[in-house]
Amino acid sequence: MLSLKFKEGKNVITLYGIKNCDTIKKARKWLTDNSVEYNFHDVRTDGIDAATLDGWIDQVGLETILNRRGTTWRKLDSDDQNGVNRSNVTALLLKYPAIIKRPVLDLDGTITVGFKAEQYQTIFN
């Protein structure tokens, strides 16, 4: 868990995810209920670029970004699942944005993946 103190008025906050994801809905509700201004970026409809994905992977690691639990992952060909590595994962995430673990919170370039209310409380207080 990242522990980052929030400095009001000086932060650029972007929440990345898919709008109909239940975890995204919980994260967005928490941010709104706690008066945190943020930009929402839907990786499915707005897209995502390779440089952003590579930056996330460099910062938090491949296994943190890759969602191996979802339906999209389970539907992938077993060769794609078994052959995933750092050199090919970005292309796979670009092709199937639903296998990006969600939400991805970008606070001035510091990345947090997943949502737990306690974790967001620590970040923003």
N, C-alpha and C. Protein backbone atom coordinates (compact mmCIF):
# COMPACT_ATOMS: atom_id res chain seq x y z
N MET A 1 0.84 -1.17 0.00
CA MET A 1 0.00 0.00 0.00
C MET A 1 0.89 1.24 0.00
N LEU A 2 0.57 2.16 -0.89
CA LEU A 2 1.29 3.42 -0.92
C LEU A 2 0.75 4.34 0.16
N SER A 3 1.60 5.06 0.79
CA SER A 3 1.18 6.05 1.76
C SER A 3 1.67 7.40 1.27
N LEU A 4 0.75 8.23 0.83
CA LEU A 4 1.09 9.51 0.24
C LEU A 4 0.16 10.55 0.82
N LYS A 5 0.71 11.59 1.37
CA LYS A 5 -0.12 12.65 1.93
C LYS A 5 -0.61 13.54 0.82
N PHE A 6 -1.87 13.88 0.86
CA PHE A 6 -2.54 14.69 -0.14
C PHE A 6 -2.39 16.16 0.22
N LYS A 7 -1.92 16.94 -0.74
CA LYS A 7 -1.80 18.38 -0.54
C LYS A 7 -2.87 19.06 -1.36
N GLU A 8 -3.89 19.55 -0.70
CA GLU A 8 -5.04 20.12 -1.38
C GLU A 8 -4.63 21.25 -2.31
N GLY A 9 -5.20 21.22 -3.52
CA GLY A 9 -4.98 22.30 -4.47
C GLY A 9 -3.72 22.16 -5.30
N LYS A 10 -2.89 21.19 -5.03
CA LYS A 10 -1.63 21.07 -5.75
C LYS A 10 -1.51 19.76 -6.51
N ASN A 11 -2.55 18.96 -6.49
CA ASN A 11 -2.46 17.62 -7.05
C ASN A 11 -3.33 17.46 -8.29
N VAL A 12 -2.82 16.70 -9.24
CA VAL A 12 -3.59 16.29 -10.39
C VAL A 12 -3.95 14.82 -10.16
N ILE A 13 -5.25 14.55 -10.11
CA ILE A 13 -5.72 13.21 -9.78
C ILE A 13 -6.51 12.66 -10.95
N THR A 14 -6.10 11.50 -11.41
CA THR A 14 -6.83 10.80 -12.47
C THR A 14 -7.11 9.39 -12.00
N LEU A 15 -8.36 8.98 -12.14
CA LEU A 15 -8.78 7.63 -11.82
C LEU A 15 -9.03 6.92 -13.14
N TYR A 16 -8.30 5.84 -13.38
CA TYR A 16 -8.43 5.06 -14.61
C TYR A 16 -9.21 3.80 -14.32
N GLY A 17 -10.08 3.43 -15.25
CA GLY A 17 -10.82 2.20 -15.09
C GLY A 17 -11.87 2.04 -16.16
N ILE A 18 -12.90 1.28 -15.86
CA ILE A 18 -14.03 1.04 -16.75
C ILE A 18 -15.27 1.44 -15.97
N LYS A 19 -16.07 2.33 -16.55
CA LYS A 19 -17.15 2.98 -15.79
C LYS A 19 -18.16 2.03 -15.16
N ASN A 20 -18.41 0.86 -15.76
CA ASN A 20 -19.41 -0.03 -15.18
C ASN A 20 -18.83 -1.06 -14.22
N CYS A 21 -17.55 -0.97 -13.91
CA CYS A 21 -16.90 -1.87 -12.95
C CYS A 21 -17.35 -1.51 -11.53
N ASP A 22 -17.74 -2.50 -10.75
CA ASP A 22 -18.22 -2.25 -9.39
C ASP A 22 -17.15 -1.59 -8.51
N THR A 23 -15.90 -2.01 -8.65
CA THR A 23 -14.84 -1.42 -7.83
C THR A 23 -14.61 0.03 -8.22
N ILE A 24 -14.71 0.33 -9.49
CA ILE A 24 -14.60 1.72 -9.95
C ILE A 24 -15.73 2.55 -9.35
N LYS A 25 -16.93 2.01 -9.36
CA LYS A 25 -18.07 2.72 -8.77
C LYS A 25 -17.82 3.03 -7.31
N LYS A 26 -17.25 2.09 -6.57
CA LYS A 26 -16.95 2.32 -5.14
C LYS A 26 -15.88 3.39 -4.97
N ALA A 27 -14.84 3.34 -5.80
CA ALA A 27 -13.76 4.33 -5.70
C ALA A 27 -14.28 5.72 -6.05
N ARG A 28 -15.08 5.81 -7.10
CA ARG A 28 -15.63 7.12 -7.50
C ARG A 28 -16.55 7.67 -6.41
N LYS A 29 -17.36 6.81 -5.83
CA LYS A 29 -18.24 7.25 -4.74
C LYS A 29 -17.42 7.77 -3.57
N TRP A 30 -16.36 7.03 -3.21
CA TRP A 30 -15.52 7.46 -2.09
C TRP A 30 -14.90 8.83 -2.39
N LEU A 31 -14.37 9.00 -3.57
CA LEU A 31 -13.75 10.28 -3.93
C LEU A 31 -14.77 11.41 -3.88
N THR A 32 -15.95 11.18 -4.44
CA THR A 32 -17.00 12.20 -4.43
C THR A 32 -17.47 12.50 -3.00
N ASP A 33 -17.72 11.46 -2.22
CA ASP A 33 -18.18 11.64 -0.84
C ASP A 33 -17.16 12.37 0.02
N ASN A 34 -15.88 12.27 -0.34
CA ASN A 34 -14.83 12.92 0.42
C ASN A 34 -14.32 14.20 -0.25
N SER A 35 -15.12 14.71 -1.18
CA SER A 35 -14.85 15.99 -1.85
C SER A 35 -13.48 16.06 -2.51
N VAL A 36 -13.06 14.94 -3.09
CA VAL A 36 -11.80 14.90 -3.82
C VAL A 36 -12.11 15.11 -5.30
N GLU A 37 -11.56 16.17 -5.88
CA GLU A 37 -11.76 16.42 -7.30
C GLU A 37 -10.80 15.53 -8.10
N TYR A 38 -11.32 14.92 -9.13
CA TYR A 38 -10.51 14.00 -9.93
C TYR A 38 -11.05 13.96 -11.35
N ASN A 39 -10.22 13.49 -12.24
CA ASN A 39 -10.62 13.22 -13.62
C ASN A 39 -10.80 11.72 -13.74
N PHE A 40 -11.86 11.30 -14.44
CA PHE A 40 -12.05 9.88 -14.69
C PHE A 40 -11.70 9.59 -16.14
N HIS A 41 -10.91 8.54 -16.34
CA HIS A 41 -10.48 8.12 -17.67
C HIS A 41 -10.90 6.67 -17.87
N ASP A 42 -11.87 6.46 -18.75
CA ASP A 42 -12.34 5.11 -19.04
C ASP A 42 -11.40 4.48 -20.06
N VAL A 43 -10.66 3.47 -19.64
CA VAL A 43 -9.65 2.87 -20.52
C VAL A 43 -10.28 2.13 -21.70
N ARG A 44 -11.52 1.76 -21.56
CA ARG A 44 -12.18 1.06 -22.67
C ARG A 44 -12.67 2.07 -23.72
N THR A 45 -13.33 3.15 -23.31
CA THR A 45 -13.89 4.10 -24.27
C THR A 45 -12.90 5.21 -24.66
N ASP A 46 -12.08 5.66 -23.71
CA ASP A 46 -11.12 6.74 -23.99
C ASP A 46 -9.79 6.20 -24.50
N GLY A 47 -9.55 4.92 -24.30
CA GLY A 47 -8.29 4.32 -24.70
C GLY A 47 -7.18 4.58 -23.70
N ILE A 48 -6.05 4.01 -23.97
CA ILE A 48 -4.86 4.17 -23.12
C ILE A 48 -3.67 3.97 -24.04
N ASP A 49 -2.56 4.64 -23.74
CA ASP A 49 -1.40 4.50 -24.62
C ASP A 49 -0.33 3.63 -23.97
N ALA A 50 0.55 3.12 -24.81
CA ALA A 50 1.59 2.20 -24.36
C ALA A 50 2.52 2.86 -23.35
N ALA A 51 2.84 4.12 -23.54
CA ALA A 51 3.76 4.81 -22.62
C ALA A 51 3.17 4.88 -21.21
N THR A 52 1.89 5.14 -21.11
CA THR A 52 1.23 5.18 -19.80
C THR A 52 1.27 3.81 -19.14
N LEU A 53 0.92 2.78 -19.89
CA LEU A 53 0.95 1.41 -19.34
C LEU A 53 2.36 1.03 -18.91
N ASP A 54 3.35 1.34 -19.74
CA ASP A 54 4.74 1.02 -19.39
C ASP A 54 5.17 1.74 -18.11
N GLY A 55 4.74 2.98 -17.96
CA GLY A 55 5.06 3.73 -16.74
C GLY A 55 4.45 3.09 -15.51
N TRP A 56 3.22 2.64 -15.63
CA TRP A 56 2.56 1.97 -14.51
C TRP A 56 3.30 0.68 -14.16
N ILE A 57 3.62 -0.10 -15.17
CA ILE A 57 4.30 -1.38 -14.94
C ILE A 57 5.67 -1.15 -14.31
N ASP A 58 6.39 -0.15 -14.80
CA ASP A 58 7.69 0.18 -14.22
C ASP A 58 7.57 0.58 -12.76
N GLN A 59 6.49 1.28 -12.42
CA GLN A 59 6.33 1.78 -11.06
C GLN A 59 5.81 0.72 -10.08
N VAL A 60 4.81 -0.06 -10.49
CA VAL A 60 4.19 -0.98 -9.54
C VAL A 60 4.36 -2.46 -9.88
N GLY A 61 4.85 -2.75 -11.07
CA GLY A 61 5.10 -4.14 -11.45
C GLY A 61 4.00 -4.74 -12.29
N LEU A 62 4.40 -5.68 -13.10
CA LEU A 62 3.51 -6.38 -14.03
C LEU A 62 2.37 -7.08 -13.31
N GLU A 63 2.67 -7.80 -12.25
CA GLU A 63 1.63 -8.58 -11.56
C GLU A 63 0.60 -7.70 -10.87
N THR A 64 0.99 -6.49 -10.51
CA THR A 64 0.04 -5.57 -9.88
C THR A 64 -0.94 -5.01 -10.91
N ILE A 65 -0.48 -4.78 -12.12
CA ILE A 65 -1.32 -4.20 -13.18
C ILE A 65 -2.18 -5.24 -13.88
N LEU A 66 -1.70 -6.45 -14.01
CA LEU A 66 -2.39 -7.48 -14.78
C LEU A 66 -3.48 -8.16 -13.94
N ASN A 67 -4.71 -8.07 -14.41
CA ASN A 67 -5.86 -8.67 -13.72
C ASN A 67 -6.08 -10.07 -14.25
N ARG A 68 -5.62 -11.05 -13.50
CA ARG A 68 -5.76 -12.45 -13.90
C ARG A 68 -7.05 -13.08 -13.38
N ARG A 69 -7.88 -12.32 -12.69
CA ARG A 69 -9.10 -12.88 -12.10
C ARG A 69 -10.35 -12.68 -12.95
N GLY A 70 -10.33 -11.73 -13.85
CA GLY A 70 -11.54 -11.37 -14.57
C GLY A 70 -11.92 -12.32 -15.69
N THR A 71 -13.12 -12.10 -16.18
CA THR A 71 -13.68 -12.91 -17.26
C THR A 71 -12.84 -12.79 -18.53
N THR A 72 -12.38 -11.59 -18.84
CA THR A 72 -11.60 -11.39 -20.06
C THR A 72 -10.34 -12.24 -20.02
N TRP A 73 -9.65 -12.26 -18.87
CA TRP A 73 -8.43 -13.07 -18.74
C TRP A 73 -8.75 -14.55 -18.93
N ARG A 74 -9.82 -15.01 -18.30
CA ARG A 74 -10.18 -16.42 -18.38
C ARG A 74 -10.55 -16.84 -19.80
N LYS A 75 -11.03 -15.89 -20.60
CA LYS A 75 -11.41 -16.20 -21.98
C LYS A 75 -10.23 -16.15 -22.95
N LEU A 76 -9.09 -15.64 -22.51
CA LEU A 76 -7.92 -15.58 -23.38
C LEU A 76 -7.41 -16.98 -23.71
N ASP A 77 -6.82 -17.09 -24.86
CA ASP A 77 -6.17 -18.33 -25.27
C ASP A 77 -5.10 -18.68 -24.24
N SER A 78 -4.96 -19.95 -23.93
CA SER A 78 -3.98 -20.37 -22.92
C SER A 78 -2.55 -20.00 -23.31
N ASP A 79 -2.26 -19.93 -24.60
CA ASP A 79 -0.92 -19.50 -25.04
C ASP A 79 -0.66 -18.05 -24.63
N ASP A 80 -1.70 -17.20 -24.78
CA ASP A 80 -1.56 -15.79 -24.35
C ASP A 80 -1.38 -15.71 -22.84
N GLN A 81 -2.16 -16.49 -22.10
CA GLN A 81 -2.06 -16.47 -20.64
C GLN A 81 -0.69 -16.95 -20.17
N ASN A 82 -0.24 -18.06 -20.69
CA ASN A 82 1.02 -18.66 -20.23
C ASN A 82 2.25 -17.93 -20.75
N GLY A 83 2.10 -17.22 -21.85
CA GLY A 83 3.26 -16.57 -22.46
C GLY A 83 3.44 -15.12 -22.07
N VAL A 84 2.61 -14.61 -21.16
CA VAL A 84 2.72 -13.20 -20.82
C VAL A 84 4.02 -12.91 -20.07
N ASN A 85 4.69 -11.84 -20.49
CA ASN A 85 5.92 -11.42 -19.84
C ASN A 85 6.07 -9.91 -20.04
N ARG A 86 7.13 -9.34 -19.49
CA ARG A 86 7.30 -7.89 -19.54
C ARG A 86 7.40 -7.37 -20.98
N SER A 87 7.95 -8.15 -21.88
CA SER A 87 8.14 -7.66 -23.24
C SER A 87 6.85 -7.67 -24.08
N ASN A 88 5.84 -8.46 -23.68
CA ASN A 88 4.63 -8.51 -24.49
C ASN A 88 3.36 -8.07 -23.76
N VAL A 89 3.46 -7.78 -22.47
CA VAL A 89 2.25 -7.49 -21.70
C VAL A 89 1.60 -6.18 -22.13
N THR A 90 2.36 -5.17 -22.52
CA THR A 90 1.77 -3.89 -22.91
C THR A 90 0.85 -4.08 -24.10
N ALA A 91 1.29 -4.83 -25.10
CA ALA A 91 0.45 -5.08 -26.28
C ALA A 91 -0.83 -5.81 -25.88
N LEU A 92 -0.74 -6.75 -24.95
CA LEU A 92 -1.90 -7.50 -24.49
C LEU A 92 -2.88 -6.57 -23.75
N LEU A 93 -2.36 -5.68 -22.91
CA LEU A 93 -3.20 -4.73 -22.17
C LEU A 93 -3.87 -3.73 -23.12
N LEU A 94 -3.15 -3.33 -24.15
CA LEU A 94 -3.74 -2.42 -25.15
C LEU A 94 -4.88 -3.11 -25.91
N LYS A 95 -4.70 -4.36 -26.22
CA LYS A 95 -5.70 -5.12 -26.96
C LYS A 95 -6.92 -5.45 -26.10
N TYR A 96 -6.66 -5.74 -24.81
CA TYR A 96 -7.72 -6.12 -23.87
C TYR A 96 -7.65 -5.25 -22.61
N PRO A 97 -8.14 -4.00 -22.68
CA PRO A 97 -8.02 -3.11 -21.52
C PRO A 97 -8.75 -3.61 -20.27
N ALA A 98 -9.67 -4.55 -20.43
CA ALA A 98 -10.37 -5.10 -19.26
C ALA A 98 -9.45 -5.93 -18.38
N ILE A 99 -8.26 -6.30 -18.86
CA ILE A 99 -7.34 -7.06 -18.01
C ILE A 99 -6.38 -6.15 -17.26
N ILE A 100 -6.64 -4.85 -17.30
CA ILE A 100 -5.91 -3.91 -16.44
C ILE A 100 -6.62 -3.95 -15.09
N LYS A 101 -5.87 -4.22 -14.03
CA LYS A 101 -6.46 -4.24 -12.70
C LYS A 101 -6.97 -2.85 -12.38
N ARG A 102 -8.13 -2.78 -11.72
CA ARG A 102 -8.78 -1.49 -11.50
C ARG A 102 -9.15 -1.28 -10.04
N PRO A 103 -9.27 -0.01 -9.70
CA PRO A 103 -8.90 1.19 -10.43
C PRO A 103 -7.40 1.46 -10.36
N VAL A 104 -6.94 2.30 -11.27
CA VAL A 104 -5.59 2.82 -11.20
C VAL A 104 -5.74 4.30 -10.85
N LEU A 105 -5.22 4.67 -9.70
CA LEU A 105 -5.27 6.05 -9.24
C LEU A 105 -3.90 6.68 -9.49
N ASP A 106 -3.90 7.76 -10.25
CA ASP A 106 -2.67 8.48 -10.55
C ASP A 106 -2.74 9.83 -9.83
N LEU A 107 -1.92 9.98 -8.83
CA LEU A 107 -1.86 11.21 -8.06
C LEU A 107 -0.49 11.83 -8.30
N ASP A 108 -0.46 12.80 -9.22
CA ASP A 108 0.81 13.46 -9.59
C ASP A 108 1.89 12.47 -9.98
N GLY A 109 1.51 11.41 -10.68
CA GLY A 109 2.49 10.44 -11.16
C GLY A 109 2.75 9.27 -10.23
N THR A 110 2.20 9.31 -9.02
CA THR A 110 2.32 8.18 -8.11
C THR A 110 1.09 7.29 -8.30
N ILE A 111 1.34 6.03 -8.56
CA ILE A 111 0.28 5.09 -8.94
C ILE A 111 -0.12 4.21 -7.76
N THR A 112 -1.43 4.08 -7.58
CA THR A 112 -2.02 3.14 -6.62
C THR A 112 -3.00 2.29 -7.39
N VAL A 113 -2.93 0.98 -7.24
CA VAL A 113 -3.81 0.07 -7.96
C VAL A 113 -4.73 -0.62 -6.97
N GLY A 114 -6.01 -0.66 -7.30
CA GLY A 114 -7.01 -1.28 -6.44
C GLY A 114 -7.69 -0.22 -5.58
N PHE A 115 -8.76 -0.63 -4.92
CA PHE A 115 -9.47 0.29 -4.04
C PHE A 115 -9.79 -0.37 -2.72
N LYS A 116 -9.39 0.29 -1.67
CA LYS A 116 -9.83 0.00 -0.30
C LYS A 116 -10.02 1.36 0.35
N ALA A 117 -11.16 1.54 1.00
CA ALA A 117 -11.47 2.84 1.60
C ALA A 117 -10.36 3.29 2.56
N GLU A 118 -9.82 2.36 3.33
CA GLU A 118 -8.77 2.71 4.29
C GLU A 118 -7.52 3.23 3.58
N GLN A 119 -7.21 2.63 2.45
CA GLN A 119 -6.04 3.04 1.68
C GLN A 119 -6.25 4.46 1.13
N TYR A 120 -7.42 4.74 0.58
CA TYR A 120 -7.70 6.09 0.06
C TYR A 120 -7.71 7.10 1.21
N GLN A 121 -8.21 6.70 2.35
CA GLN A 121 -8.21 7.58 3.53
C GLN A 121 -6.78 7.97 3.88
N THR A 122 -5.88 7.03 3.84
CA THR A 122 -4.47 7.30 4.13
C THR A 122 -3.86 8.23 3.08
N ILE A 123 -4.18 7.99 1.83
CA ILE A 123 -3.64 8.81 0.74
C ILE A 123 -4.12 10.25 0.83
N PHE A 124 -5.40 10.45 1.09
CA PHE A 124 -5.98 11.77 0.98
C PHE A 124 -6.13 12.53 2.30
N ASN A 125 -5.64 11.98 3.40
CA ASN A 125 -5.70 12.71 4.68
C ASN A 125 -4.33 12.84 5.29
